[in-house]
Amino acid sequence: MSSPKRSDEPIWWALFSAGGVCFAVFLPGLILALGLLWPLGLLNSAWLQHDKILTLLQSGYGVTGLAFAAAVICLPLFHAAHRIHHGLHDLKFGFSQASKLLCYGLALLLSLLALVLVVAV
């Protein structure tokens, strides 16, 4: 009796789920704070100065800040890649392996680029 073929889908579904949580929980708060409250002057802008954020990221709490930045940037990219990949499958576009490589590869590439840019700050 042959063993069943292993699938990589649980990895992509886990990244999809985590990205969905980031979309649902963290991004609305960031949009509210940075897109509405700060421009309206309802948020203390002293904490949003570049030097203050840089000091925070470079301090002991910086690991948490970098992890948060990575989660908010990278996980939604994989969420979107998974939606696009399965959307192409639902629309009966073939090339399942090619679309998987393109979607997830692009999400990985953009995630790495974003992490490099966040760390280089």
PDB file of N, CA and C in Angstrom:
ATOM      1  N   MET A   1       0.846  -1.175   0.000  1.00  0.00           N
ATOM      2  CA  MET A   1       0.000   0.000   0.000  1.00  0.00           C
ATOM      3  C   MET A   1       0.896   1.245   0.000  1.00  0.00           C
ATOM      4  N   SER A   2       0.644   2.158  -0.903  1.00  0.00           N
ATOM      5  CA  SER A   2       1.468   3.360  -1.001  1.00  0.00           C
ATOM      6  C   SER A   2       0.952   4.439  -0.047  1.00  0.00           C
ATOM      7  N   SER A   3       1.891   5.223   0.444  1.00  0.00           N
ATOM      8  CA  SER A   3       1.498   6.296   1.363  1.00  0.00           C
ATOM      9  C   SER A   3       0.942   7.474   0.555  1.00  0.00           C
ATOM     10  N   PRO A   4       0.014   8.213   1.143  1.00  0.00           N
ATOM     11  CA  PRO A   4      -0.559   9.351   0.414  1.00  0.00           C
ATOM     12  C   PRO A   4       0.476  10.448   0.185  1.00  0.00           C
ATOM     13  N   LYS A   5       0.296  11.181  -0.892  1.00  0.00           N
ATOM     14  CA  LYS A   5       1.220  12.261  -1.231  1.00  0.00           C
ATOM     15  C   LYS A   5       1.069  13.408  -0.226  1.00  0.00           C
ATOM     16  N   ARG A   6       2.197  13.895   0.238  1.00  0.00           N
ATOM     17  CA  ARG A   6       2.173  15.024   1.171  1.00  0.00           C
ATOM     18  C   ARG A   6       1.866  16.306   0.409  1.00  0.00           C
ATOM     19  N   SER A   7       1.130  17.171   1.055  1.00  0.00           N
ATOM     20  CA  SER A   7       0.734  18.426   0.439  1.00  0.00           C
ATOM     21  C   SER A   7       1.370  19.594   1.189  1.00  0.00           C
ATOM     22  N   ASP A   8       1.637  20.667   0.455  1.00  0.00           N
ATOM     23  CA  ASP A   8       2.137  21.874   1.095  1.00  0.00           C
ATOM     24  C   ASP A   8       1.016  22.863   1.404  1.00  0.00           C
ATOM     25  N   GLU A   9      -0.217  22.479   1.145  1.00  0.00           N
ATOM     26  CA  GLU A   9      -1.351  23.375   1.376  1.00  0.00           C
ATOM     27  C   GLU A   9      -1.508  23.823   2.825  1.00  0.00           C
ATOM     28  N   PRO A  10      -1.253  22.990   3.851  1.00  0.00           N
ATOM     29  CA  PRO A  10      -1.404  23.498   5.228  1.00  0.00           C
ATOM     30  C   PRO A  10      -0.520  24.702   5.534  1.00  0.00           C
ATOM     31  N   ILE A  11       0.656  24.760   4.938  1.00  0.00           N
ATOM     32  CA  ILE A  11       1.539  25.913   5.154  1.00  0.00           C
ATOM     33  C   ILE A  11       0.894  27.171   4.586  1.00  0.00           C
ATOM     34  N   TRP A  12       0.383  27.068   3.351  1.00  0.00           N
ATOM     35  CA  TRP A  12      -0.220  28.240   2.703  1.00  0.00           C
ATOM     36  C   TRP A  12      -1.513  28.646   3.398  1.00  0.00           C
ATOM     37  N   TRP A  13      -2.295  27.669   3.859  1.00  0.00           N
ATOM     38  CA  TRP A  13      -3.529  27.997   4.569  1.00  0.00           C
ATOM     39  C   TRP A  13      -3.219  28.653   5.907  1.00  0.00           C
ATOM     40  N   ALA A  14      -2.147  28.247   6.576  1.00  0.00           N
ATOM     41  CA  ALA A  14      -1.772  28.880   7.844  1.00  0.00           C
ATOM     42  C   ALA A  14      -1.354  30.335   7.607  1.00  0.00           C
ATOM     43  N   LEU A  15      -0.558  30.587   6.567  1.00  0.00           N
ATOM     44  CA  LEU A  15      -0.167  31.956   6.244  1.00  0.00           C
ATOM     45  C   LEU A  15      -1.371  32.783   5.806  1.00  0.00           C
ATOM     46  N   PHE A  16      -2.301  32.157   5.073  1.00  0.00           N
ATOM     47  CA  PHE A  16      -3.529  32.822   4.660  1.00  0.00           C
ATOM     48  C   PHE A  16      -4.347  33.232   5.876  1.00  0.00           C
ATOM     49  N   SER A  17      -4.482  32.323   6.818  1.00  0.00           N
ATOM     50  CA  SER A  17      -5.258  32.594   8.024  1.00  0.00           C
ATOM     51  C   SER A  17      -4.610  33.697   8.866  1.00  0.00           C
ATOM     52  N   ALA A  18      -3.311  33.620   9.057  1.00  0.00           N
ATOM     53  CA  ALA A  18      -2.616  34.641   9.833  1.00  0.00           C
ATOM     54  C   ALA A  18      -2.704  36.006   9.145  1.00  0.00           C
ATOM     55  N   GLY A  19      -2.604  36.024   7.836  1.00  0.00           N
ATOM     56  CA  GLY A  19      -2.748  37.276   7.099  1.00  0.00           C
ATOM     57  C   GLY A  19      -4.150  37.833   7.205  1.00  0.00           C
ATOM     58  N   GLY A  20      -5.145  36.963   7.223  1.00  0.00           N
ATOM     59  CA  GLY A  20      -6.524  37.413   7.398  1.00  0.00           C
ATOM     60  C   GLY A  20      -6.750  38.029   8.762  1.00  0.00           C
ATOM     61  N   VAL A  21      -6.123  37.459   9.782  1.00  0.00           N
ATOM     62  CA  VAL A  21      -6.230  38.026  11.127  1.00  0.00           C
ATOM     63  C   VAL A  21      -5.579  39.411  11.156  1.00  0.00           C
ATOM     64  N   CYS A  22      -4.432  39.552  10.512  1.00  0.00           N
ATOM     65  CA  CYS A  22      -3.788  40.873  10.449  1.00  0.00           C
ATOM     66  C   CYS A  22      -4.671  41.881   9.725  1.00  0.00           C
ATOM     67  N   PHE A  23      -5.282  41.444   8.615  1.00  0.00           N
ATOM     68  CA  PHE A  23      -6.195  42.325   7.890  1.00  0.00           C
ATOM     69  C   PHE A  23      -7.359  42.748   8.774  1.00  0.00           C
ATOM     70  N   ALA A  24      -7.894  41.823   9.557  1.00  0.00           N
ATOM     71  CA  ALA A  24      -9.097  42.089  10.335  1.00  0.00           C
ATOM     72  C   ALA A  24      -8.827  42.815  11.644  1.00  0.00           C
ATOM     73  N   VAL A  25      -7.678  42.590  12.268  1.00  0.00           N
ATOM     74  CA  VAL A  25      -7.432  43.121  13.606  1.00  0.00           C
ATOM     75  C   VAL A  25      -6.493  44.327  13.583  1.00  0.00           C
ATOM     76  N   PHE A  26      -5.332  44.180  12.984  1.00  0.00           N
ATOM     77  CA  PHE A  26      -4.315  45.217  13.103  1.00  0.00           C
ATOM     78  C   PHE A  26      -4.464  46.354  12.095  1.00  0.00           C
ATOM     79  N   LEU A  27      -4.759  46.047  10.848  1.00  0.00           N
ATOM     80  CA  LEU A  27      -4.801  47.089   9.833  1.00  0.00           C
ATOM     81  C   LEU A  27      -5.908  48.121  10.065  1.00  0.00           C
ATOM     82  N   PRO A  28      -7.104  47.746  10.510  1.00  0.00           N
ATOM     83  CA  PRO A  28      -8.090  48.798  10.802  1.00  0.00           C
ATOM     84  C   PRO A  28      -7.622  49.759  11.897  1.00  0.00           C
ATOM     85  N   GLY A  29      -6.949  49.230  12.903  1.00  0.00           N
ATOM     86  CA  GLY A  29      -6.414  50.102  13.951  1.00  0.00           C
ATOM     87  C   GLY A  29      -5.335  51.032  13.428  1.00  0.00           C
ATOM     88  N   LEU A  30      -4.463  50.506  12.582  1.00  0.00           N
ATOM     89  CA  LEU A  30      -3.419  51.353  11.992  1.00  0.00           C
ATOM     90  C   LEU A  30      -4.021  52.409  11.070  1.00  0.00           C
ATOM     91  N   ILE A  31      -5.029  52.022  10.299  1.00  0.00           N
ATOM     92  CA  ILE A  31      -5.689  52.985   9.411  1.00  0.00           C
ATOM     93  C   ILE A  31      -6.378  54.071  10.232  1.00  0.00           C
ATOM     94  N   LEU A  32      -7.033  53.669  11.316  1.00  0.00           N
ATOM     95  CA  LEU A  32      -7.685  54.646  12.179  1.00  0.00           C
ATOM     96  C   LEU A  32      -6.661  55.602  12.791  1.00  0.00           C
ATOM     97  N   ALA A  33      -5.583  55.043  13.330  1.00  0.00           N
ATOM     98  CA  ALA A  33      -4.593  55.878  14.009  1.00  0.00           C
ATOM     99  C   ALA A  33      -3.813  56.752  13.034  1.00  0.00           C
ATOM    100  N   LEU A  34      -3.259  56.146  11.986  1.00  0.00           N
ATOM    101  CA  LEU A  34      -2.378  56.881  11.082  1.00  0.00           C
ATOM    102  C   LEU A  34      -3.096  57.578   9.940  1.00  0.00           C
ATOM    103  N   GLY A  35      -4.290  57.097   9.597  1.00  0.00           N
ATOM    104  CA  GLY A  35      -5.015  57.677   8.471  1.00  0.00           C
ATOM    105  C   GLY A  35      -6.073  58.687   8.870  1.00  0.00           C
ATOM    106  N   LEU A  36      -6.550  58.619  10.113  1.00  0.00           N
ATOM    107  CA  LEU A  36      -7.596  59.549  10.534  1.00  0.00           C
ATOM    108  C   LEU A  36      -7.210  60.389  11.749  1.00  0.00           C
ATOM    109  N   LEU A  37      -6.843  59.719  12.836  1.00  0.00           N
ATOM    110  CA  LEU A  37      -6.594  60.440  14.080  1.00  0.00           C
ATOM    111  C   LEU A  37      -5.378  61.351  14.002  1.00  0.00           C
ATOM    112  N   TRP A  38      -4.297  60.864  13.412  1.00  0.00           N
ATOM    113  CA  TRP A  38      -3.078  61.670  13.313  1.00  0.00           C
ATOM    114  C   TRP A  38      -3.278  62.887  12.400  1.00  0.00           C
ATOM    115  N   PRO A  39      -3.827  62.726  11.172  1.00  0.00           N
ATOM    116  CA  PRO A  39      -4.023  63.920  10.332  1.00  0.00           C
ATOM    117  C   PRO A  39      -5.001  64.929  10.938  1.00  0.00           C
ATOM    118  N   LEU A  40      -5.968  64.454  11.718  1.00  0.00           N
ATOM    119  CA  LEU A  40      -6.917  65.373  12.344  1.00  0.00           C
ATOM    120  C   LEU A  40      -6.362  66.034  13.601  1.00  0.00           C
ATOM    121  N   GLY A  41      -5.154  65.648  14.010  1.00  0.00           N
ATOM    122  CA  GLY A  41      -4.527  66.230  15.183  1.00  0.00           C
ATOM    123  C   GLY A  41      -5.024  65.657  16.492  1.00  0.00           C
ATOM    124  N   LEU A  42      -5.720  64.529  16.444  1.00  0.00           N
ATOM    125  CA  LEU A  42      -6.254  63.913  17.647  1.00  0.00           C
ATOM    126  C   LEU A  42      -5.281  62.928  18.284  1.00  0.00           C
ATOM    127  N   LEU A  43      -4.158  62.708  17.631  1.00  0.00           N
ATOM    128  CA  LEU A  43      -3.148  61.794  18.135  1.00  0.00           C
ATOM    129  C   LEU A  43      -1.879  62.589  18.407  1.00  0.00           C
ATOM    130  N   ASN A  44      -1.228  62.292  19.510  1.00  0.00           N
ATOM    131  CA  ASN A  44       0.001  63.002  19.873  1.00  0.00           C
ATOM    132  C   ASN A  44       1.065  62.718  18.817  1.00  0.00           C
ATOM    133  N   SER A  45       1.389  63.725  18.032  1.00  0.00           N
ATOM    134  CA  SER A  45       2.324  63.518  16.922  1.00  0.00           C
ATOM    135  C   SER A  45       3.773  63.429  17.379  1.00  0.00           C
ATOM    136  N   ALA A  46       4.043  63.713  18.655  1.00  0.00           N
ATOM    137  CA  ALA A  46       5.422  63.614  19.138  1.00  0.00           C
ATOM    138  C   ALA A  46       5.919  62.171  19.077  1.00  0.00           C
ATOM    139  N   TRP A  47       5.028  61.217  19.252  1.00  0.00           N
ATOM    140  CA  TRP A  47       5.421  59.802  19.208  1.00  0.00           C
ATOM    141  C   TRP A  47       5.594  59.289  17.791  1.00  0.00           C
ATOM    142  N   LEU A  48       5.128  60.022  16.815  1.00  0.00           N
ATOM    143  CA  LEU A  48       5.222  59.571  15.432  1.00  0.00           C
ATOM    144  C   LEU A  48       6.386  60.205  14.682  1.00  0.00           C
ATOM    145  N   GLN A  49       7.261  60.897  15.397  1.00  0.00           N
ATOM    146  CA  GLN A  49       8.451  61.453  14.777  1.00  0.00           C
ATOM    147  C   GLN A  49       9.419  60.323  14.431  1.00  0.00           C
ATOM    148  N   HIS A  50      10.159  60.510  13.336  1.00  0.00           N
ATOM    149  CA  HIS A  50      11.065  59.468  12.852  1.00  0.00           C
ATOM    150  C   HIS A  50      12.076  59.052  13.909  1.00  0.00           C
ATOM    151  N   ASP A  51      12.661  60.006  14.616  1.00  0.00           N
ATOM    152  CA  ASP A  51      13.682  59.665  15.608  1.00  0.00           C
ATOM    153  C   ASP A  51      13.096  58.890  16.789  1.00  0.00           C
ATOM    154  N   LYS A  52      11.870  59.196  17.177  1.00  0.00           N
ATOM    155  CA  LYS A  52      11.227  58.458  18.275  1.00  0.00           C
ATOM    156  C   LYS A  52      10.947  57.010  17.866  1.00  0.00           C
ATOM    157  N   ILE A  53      10.431  56.818  16.657  1.00  0.00           N
ATOM    158  CA  ILE A  53      10.131  55.459  16.187  1.00  0.00           C
ATOM    159  C   ILE A  53      11.416  54.676  16.002  1.00  0.00           C
ATOM    160  N   LEU A  54      12.453  55.322  15.482  1.00  0.00           N
ATOM    161  CA  LEU A  54      13.750  54.665  15.306  1.00  0.00           C
ATOM    162  C   LEU A  54      14.338  54.253  16.649  1.00  0.00           C
ATOM    163  N   THR A  55      14.236  55.121  17.653  1.00  0.00           N
ATOM    164  CA  THR A  55      14.718  54.786  18.992  1.00  0.00           C
ATOM    165  C   THR A  55      13.944  53.607  19.561  1.00  0.00           C
ATOM    166  N   LEU A  56      12.637  53.598  19.355  1.00  0.00           N
ATOM    167  CA  LEU A  56      11.812  52.494  19.836  1.00  0.00           C
ATOM    168  C   LEU A  56      12.202  51.178  19.162  1.00  0.00           C
ATOM    169  N   LEU A  57      12.415  51.217  17.861  1.00  0.00           N
ATOM    170  CA  LEU A  57      12.769  49.987  17.139  1.00  0.00           C
ATOM    171  C   LEU A  57      14.166  49.496  17.501  1.00  0.00           C
ATOM    172  N   GLN A  58      15.062  50.395  17.858  1.00  0.00           N
ATOM    173  CA  GLN A  58      16.423  49.996  18.180  1.00  0.00           C
ATOM    174  C   GLN A  58      16.608  49.667  19.656  1.00  0.00           C
ATOM    175  N   SER A  59      15.592  49.881  20.465  1.00  0.00           N
ATOM    176  CA  SER A  59      15.695  49.574  21.890  1.00  0.00           C
ATOM    177  C   SER A  59      15.399  48.093  22.117  1.00  0.00           C
ATOM    178  N   GLY A  60      15.329  47.699  23.362  1.00  0.00           N
ATOM    179  CA  GLY A  60      14.996  46.316  23.698  1.00  0.00           C
ATOM    180  C   GLY A  60      13.608  45.915  23.228  1.00  0.00           C
ATOM    181  N   TYR A  61      12.729  46.912  23.146  1.00  0.00           N
ATOM    182  CA  TYR A  61      11.381  46.635  22.652  1.00  0.00           C
ATOM    183  C   TYR A  61      11.351  46.550  21.127  1.00  0.00           C
ATOM    184  N   GLY A  62      12.474  46.850  20.497  1.00  0.00           N
ATOM    185  CA  GLY A  62      12.534  46.867  19.045  1.00  0.00           C
ATOM    186  C   GLY A  62      12.218  45.541  18.400  1.00  0.00           C
ATOM    187  N   VAL A  63      12.576  44.447  19.077  1.00  0.00           N
ATOM    188  CA  VAL A  63      12.282  43.126  18.512  1.00  0.00           C
ATOM    189  C   VAL A  63      10.777  42.948  18.365  1.00  0.00           C
ATOM    190  N   THR A  64      10.041  43.396  19.360  1.00  0.00           N
ATOM    191  CA  THR A  64       8.587  43.322  19.289  1.00  0.00           C
ATOM    192  C   THR A  64       8.060  44.228  18.188  1.00  0.00           C
ATOM    193  N   GLY A  65       8.629  45.429  18.087  1.00  0.00           N
ATOM    194  CA  GLY A  65       8.212  46.351  17.037  1.00  0.00           C
ATOM    195  C   GLY A  65       8.517  45.823  15.647  1.00  0.00           C
ATOM    196  N   LEU A  66       9.697  45.231  15.495  1.00  0.00           N
ATOM    197  CA  LEU A  66      10.048  44.653  14.197  1.00  0.00           C
ATOM    198  C   LEU A  66       9.168  43.446  13.871  1.00  0.00           C
ATOM    199  N   ALA A  67       8.856  42.638  14.878  1.00  0.00           N
ATOM    200  CA  ALA A  67       7.970  41.496  14.644  1.00  0.00           C
ATOM    201  C   ALA A  67       6.575  41.972  14.253  1.00  0.00           C
ATOM    202  N   PHE A  68       6.093  43.029  14.900  1.00  0.00           N
ATOM    203  CA  PHE A  68       4.793  43.582  14.552  1.00  0.00           C
ATOM    204  C   PHE A  68       4.803  44.135  13.134  1.00  0.00           C
ATOM    205  N   ALA A  69       5.854  44.886  12.789  1.00  0.00           N
ATOM    206  CA  ALA A  69       5.965  45.435  11.437  1.00  0.00           C
ATOM    207  C   ALA A  69       6.033  44.315  10.402  1.00  0.00           C
ATOM    208  N   ALA A  70       6.789  43.277  10.709  1.00  0.00           N
ATOM    209  CA  ALA A  70       6.886  42.147   9.786  1.00  0.00           C
ATOM    210  C   ALA A  70       5.543  41.456   9.628  1.00  0.00           C
ATOM    211  N   ALA A  71       4.828  41.271  10.734  1.00  0.00           N
ATOM    212  CA  ALA A  71       3.524  40.602  10.666  1.00  0.00           C
ATOM    213  C   ALA A  71       2.524  41.432   9.879  1.00  0.00           C
ATOM    214  N   VAL A  72       2.506  42.736  10.107  1.00  0.00           N
ATOM    215  CA  VAL A  72       1.527  43.599   9.443  1.00  0.00           C
ATOM    216  C   VAL A  72       1.840  43.757   7.960  1.00  0.00           C
ATOM    217  N   ILE A  73       3.103  43.641   7.585  1.00  0.00           N
ATOM    218  CA  ILE A  73       3.467  43.781   6.177  1.00  0.00           C
ATOM    219  C   ILE A  73       3.429  42.441   5.453  1.00  0.00           C
ATOM    220  N   CYS A  74       4.066  41.411   6.020  1.00  0.00           N
ATOM    221  CA  CYS A  74       4.287  40.158   5.302  1.00  0.00           C
ATOM    222  C   CYS A  74       3.061  39.244   5.273  1.00  0.00           C
ATOM    223  N   LEU A  75       2.394  39.103   6.395  1.00  0.00           N
ATOM    224  CA  LEU A  75       1.278  38.156   6.434  1.00  0.00           C
ATOM    225  C   LEU A  75       0.130  38.536   5.491  1.00  0.00           C
ATOM    226  N   PRO A  76      -0.260  39.812   5.405  1.00  0.00           N
ATOM    227  CA  PRO A  76      -1.283  40.148   4.407  1.00  0.00           C
ATOM    228  C   PRO A  76      -0.846  39.890   2.967  1.00  0.00           C
ATOM    229  N   LEU A  77       0.458  39.967   2.694  1.00  0.00           N
ATOM    230  CA  LEU A  77       0.934  39.636   1.348  1.00  0.00           C
ATOM    231  C   LEU A  77       0.662  38.168   1.023  1.00  0.00           C
ATOM    232  N   PHE A  78       0.903  37.289   1.991  1.00  0.00           N
ATOM    233  CA  PHE A  78       0.629  35.871   1.759  1.00  0.00           C
ATOM    234  C   PHE A  78      -0.873  35.594   1.710  1.00  0.00           C
ATOM    235  N   HIS A  79      -1.643  36.353   2.467  1.00  0.00           N
ATOM    236  CA  HIS A  79      -3.107  36.230   2.407  1.00  0.00           C
ATOM    237  C   HIS A  79      -3.590  36.567   0.995  1.00  0.00           C
ATOM    238  N   ALA A  80      -3.109  37.683   0.463  1.00  0.00           N
ATOM    239  CA  ALA A  80      -3.501  38.098  -0.875  1.00  0.00           C
ATOM    240  C   ALA A  80      -3.010  37.105  -1.933  1.00  0.00           C
ATOM    241  N   ALA A  81      -1.787  36.611  -1.768  1.00  0.00           N
ATOM    242  CA  ALA A  81      -1.245  35.643  -2.730  1.00  0.00           C
ATOM    243  C   ALA A  81      -2.093  34.379  -2.755  1.00  0.00           C
ATOM    244  N   HIS A  82      -2.523  33.925  -1.586  1.00  0.00           N
ATOM    245  CA  HIS A  82      -3.345  32.713  -1.519  1.00  0.00           C
ATOM    246  C   HIS A  82      -4.701  32.945  -2.186  1.00  0.00           C
ATOM    247  N   ARG A  83      -5.287  34.115  -1.948  1.00  0.00           N
ATOM    248  CA  ARG A  83      -6.572  34.435  -2.593  1.00  0.00           C
ATOM    249  C   ARG A  83      -6.424  34.485  -4.120  1.00  0.00           C
ATOM    250  N   ILE A  84      -5.356  35.108  -4.583  1.00  0.00           N
ATOM    251  CA  ILE A  84      -5.139  35.208  -6.034  1.00  0.00           C
ATOM    252  C   ILE A  84      -4.907  33.827  -6.626  1.00  0.00           C
ATOM    253  N   HIS A  85      -4.087  33.016  -5.979  1.00  0.00           N
ATOM    254  CA  HIS A  85      -3.804  31.670  -6.481  1.00  0.00           C
ATOM    255  C   HIS A  85      -5.088  30.843  -6.596  1.00  0.00           C
ATOM    256  N   HIS A  86      -5.896  30.850  -5.541  1.00  0.00           N
ATOM    257  CA  HIS A  86      -7.130  30.060  -5.590  1.00  0.00           C
ATOM    258  C   HIS A  86      -8.190  30.704  -6.485  1.00  0.00           C
ATOM    259  N   GLY A  87      -8.143  32.037  -6.635  1.00  0.00           N
ATOM    260  CA  GLY A  87      -9.033  32.699  -7.588  1.00  0.00           C
ATOM    261  C   GLY A  87      -8.722  32.292  -9.014  1.00  0.00           C
ATOM    262  N   LEU A  88      -7.437  32.202  -9.329  1.00  0.00           N
ATOM    263  CA  LEU A  88      -7.052  31.733 -10.669  1.00  0.00           C
ATOM    264  C   LEU A  88      -7.500  30.294 -10.894  1.00  0.00           C
ATOM    265  N   HIS A  89      -7.404  29.484  -9.851  1.00  0.00           N
ATOM    266  CA  HIS A  89      -7.860  28.091  -9.954  1.00  0.00           C
ATOM    267  C   HIS A  89      -9.382  28.038 -10.177  1.00  0.00           C
ATOM    268  N   ASP A  90     -10.125  28.878  -9.464  1.00  0.00           N
ATOM    269  CA  ASP A  90     -11.579  28.905  -9.610  1.00  0.00           C
ATOM    270  C   ASP A  90     -12.004  29.402 -10.976  1.00  0.00           C
ATOM    271  N   LEU A  91     -11.211  30.278 -11.569  1.00  0.00           N
ATOM    272  CA  LEU A  91     -11.519  30.780 -12.910  1.00  0.00           C
ATOM    273  C   LEU A  91     -11.050  29.835 -14.009  1.00  0.00           C
ATOM    274  N   LYS A  92     -10.569  28.672 -13.599  1.00  0.00           N
ATOM    275  CA  LYS A  92     -10.145  27.600 -14.511  1.00  0.00           C
ATOM    276  C   LYS A  92      -8.919  27.957 -15.328  1.00  0.00           C
ATOM    277  N   PHE A  93      -8.089  28.842 -14.781  1.00  0.00           N
ATOM    278  CA  PHE A  93      -6.796  29.057 -15.398  1.00  0.00           C
ATOM    279  C   PHE A  93      -5.918  27.901 -14.975  1.00  0.00           C
ATOM    280  N   GLY A  94      -5.275  27.296 -15.919  1.00  0.00           N
ATOM    281  CA  GLY A  94      -4.431  26.150 -15.613  1.00  0.00           C
ATOM    282  C   GLY A  94      -3.144  26.571 -14.952  1.00  0.00           C
ATOM    283  N   PHE A  95      -2.131  25.808 -15.144  1.00  0.00           N
ATOM    284  CA  PHE A  95      -0.802  26.108 -14.634  1.00  0.00           C
ATOM    285  C   PHE A  95      -0.802  26.261 -13.117  1.00  0.00           C
ATOM    286  N   SER A  96      -1.326  25.277 -12.424  1.00  0.00           N
ATOM    287  CA  SER A  96      -1.445  25.348 -10.969  1.00  0.00           C
ATOM    288  C   SER A  96      -0.093  25.568 -10.306  1.00  0.00           C
ATOM    289  N   GLN A  97       0.913  24.799 -10.719  1.00  0.00           N
ATOM    290  CA  GLN A  97       2.236  24.952 -10.116  1.00  0.00           C
ATOM    291  C   GLN A  97       2.856  26.302 -10.477  1.00  0.00           C
ATOM    292  N   ALA A  98       2.635  26.744 -11.702  1.00  0.00           N
ATOM    293  CA  ALA A  98       3.203  28.027 -12.123  1.00  0.00           C
ATOM    294  C   ALA A  98       2.549  29.180 -11.379  1.00  0.00           C
ATOM    295  N   SER A  99       1.228  29.137 -11.214  1.00  0.00           N
ATOM    296  CA  SER A  99       0.566  30.222 -10.485  1.00  0.00           C
ATOM    297  C   SER A  99       0.932  30.189  -9.008  1.00  0.00           C
ATOM    298  N   LYS A 100       1.115  28.985  -8.457  1.00  0.00           N
ATOM    299  CA  LYS A 100       1.543  28.874  -7.063  1.00  0.00           C
ATOM    300  C   LYS A 100       2.929  29.481  -6.898  1.00  0.00           C
ATOM    301  N   LEU A 101       3.829  29.150  -7.786  1.00  0.00           N
ATOM    302  CA  LEU A 101       5.182  29.697  -7.720  1.00  0.00           C
ATOM    303  C   LEU A 101       5.173  31.210  -7.905  1.00  0.00           C
ATOM    304  N   LEU A 102       4.382  31.695  -8.843  1.00  0.00           N
ATOM    305  CA  LEU A 102       4.314  33.129  -9.093  1.00  0.00           C
ATOM    306  C   LEU A 102       3.711  33.876  -7.910  1.00  0.00           C
ATOM    307  N   CYS A 103       2.568  33.418  -7.412  1.00  0.00           N
ATOM    308  CA  CYS A 103       1.878  34.122  -6.323  1.00  0.00           C
ATOM    309  C   CYS A 103       2.688  34.102  -5.033  1.00  0.00           C
ATOM    310  N   TYR A 104       3.054  32.914  -4.586  1.00  0.00           N
ATOM    311  CA  TYR A 104       3.766  32.812  -3.316  1.00  0.00           C
ATOM    312  C   TYR A 104       5.205  33.310  -3.426  1.00  0.00           C
ATOM    313  N   GLY A 105       5.812  33.130  -4.586  1.00  0.00           N
ATOM    314  CA  GLY A 105       7.159  33.648  -4.796  1.00  0.00           C
ATOM    315  C   GLY A 105       7.185  35.169  -4.761  1.00  0.00           C
ATOM    316  N   LEU A 106       6.174  35.796  -5.371  1.00  0.00           N
ATOM    317  CA  LEU A 106       6.090  37.245  -5.343  1.00  0.00           C
ATOM    318  C   LEU A 106       5.823  37.749  -3.925  1.00  0.00           C
ATOM    319  N   ALA A 107       4.969  37.045  -3.188  1.00  0.00           N
ATOM    320  CA  ALA A 107       4.710  37.422  -1.790  1.00  0.00           C
ATOM    321  C   ALA A 107       5.988  37.294  -0.961  1.00  0.00           C
ATOM    322  N   LEU A 108       6.743  36.235  -1.178  1.00  0.00           N
ATOM    323  CA  LEU A 108       8.000  36.053  -0.453  1.00  0.00           C
ATOM    324  C   LEU A 108       9.006  37.134  -0.822  1.00  0.00           C
ATOM    325  N   LEU A 109       9.125  37.435  -2.091  1.00  0.00           N
ATOM    326  CA  LEU A 109      10.062  38.456  -2.545  1.00  0.00           C
ATOM    327  C   LEU A 109       9.705  39.829  -1.972  1.00  0.00           C
ATOM    328  N   LEU A 110       8.434  40.198  -2.025  1.00  0.00           N
ATOM    329  CA  LEU A 110       8.008  41.478  -1.474  1.00  0.00           C
ATOM    330  C   LEU A 110       8.167  41.523   0.047  1.00  0.00           C
ATOM    331  N   SER A 111       7.949  40.383   0.705  1.00  0.00           N
ATOM    332  CA  SER A 111       8.138  40.318   2.154  1.00  0.00           C
ATOM    333  C   SER A 111       9.598  40.531   2.517  1.00  0.00           C
ATOM    334  N   LEU A 112      10.485  39.867   1.800  1.00  0.00           N
ATOM    335  CA  LEU A 112      11.918  40.040   2.065  1.00  0.00           C
ATOM    336  C   LEU A 112      12.366  41.474   1.800  1.00  0.00           C
ATOM    337  N   LEU A 113      11.867  42.058   0.728  1.00  0.00           N
ATOM    338  CA  LEU A 113      12.197  43.447   0.417  1.00  0.00           C
ATOM    339  C   LEU A 113      11.702  44.380   1.526  1.00  0.00           C
ATOM    340  N   ALA A 114      10.480  44.161   1.983  1.00  0.00           N
ATOM    341  CA  ALA A 114       9.934  44.995   3.059  1.00  0.00           C
ATOM    342  C   ALA A 114      10.734  44.834   4.343  1.00  0.00           C
ATOM    343  N   LEU A 115      11.116  43.612   4.669  1.00  0.00           N
ATOM    344  CA  LEU A 115      11.906  43.388   5.887  1.00  0.00           C
ATOM    345  C   LEU A 115      13.272  44.045   5.792  1.00  0.00           C
ATOM    346  N   VAL A 116      13.888  43.966   4.638  1.00  0.00           N
ATOM    347  CA  VAL A 116      15.180  44.634   4.445  1.00  0.00           C
ATOM    348  C   VAL A 116      15.017  46.145   4.627  1.00  0.00           C
ATOM    349  N   LEU A 117      13.955  46.700   4.069  1.00  0.00           N
ATOM    350  CA  LEU A 117      13.736  48.139   4.195  1.00  0.00           C
ATOM    351  C   LEU A 117      13.404  48.541   5.622  1.00  0.00           C
ATOM    352  N   VAL A 118      12.659  47.713   6.344  1.00  0.00           N
ATOM    353  CA  VAL A 118      12.321  48.032   7.740  1.00  0.00           C
ATOM    354  C   VAL A 118      13.565  47.951   8.609  1.00  0.00           C
ATOM    355  N   VAL A 119      14.396  46.937   8.413  1.00  0.00           N
ATOM    356  CA  VAL A 119      15.607  46.787   9.216  1.00  0.00           C
ATOM    357  C   VAL A 119      16.627  47.869   8.853  1.00  0.00           C
ATOM    358  N   ALA A 120      16.653  48.301   7.594  1.00  0.00           N
ATOM    359  CA  ALA A 120      17.623  49.299   7.151  1.00  0.00           C
ATOM    360  C   ALA A 120      17.305  50.696   7.650  1.00  0.00           C
ATOM    361  N   VAL A 121      16.120  50.880   8.221  1.00  0.00           N
ATOM    362  CA  VAL A 121      15.733  52.207   8.732  1.00  0.00           C
ATOM    363  C   VAL A 121      16.694  52.559   9.803  1.00  0.00           C
TER     364      VAL A 121
END
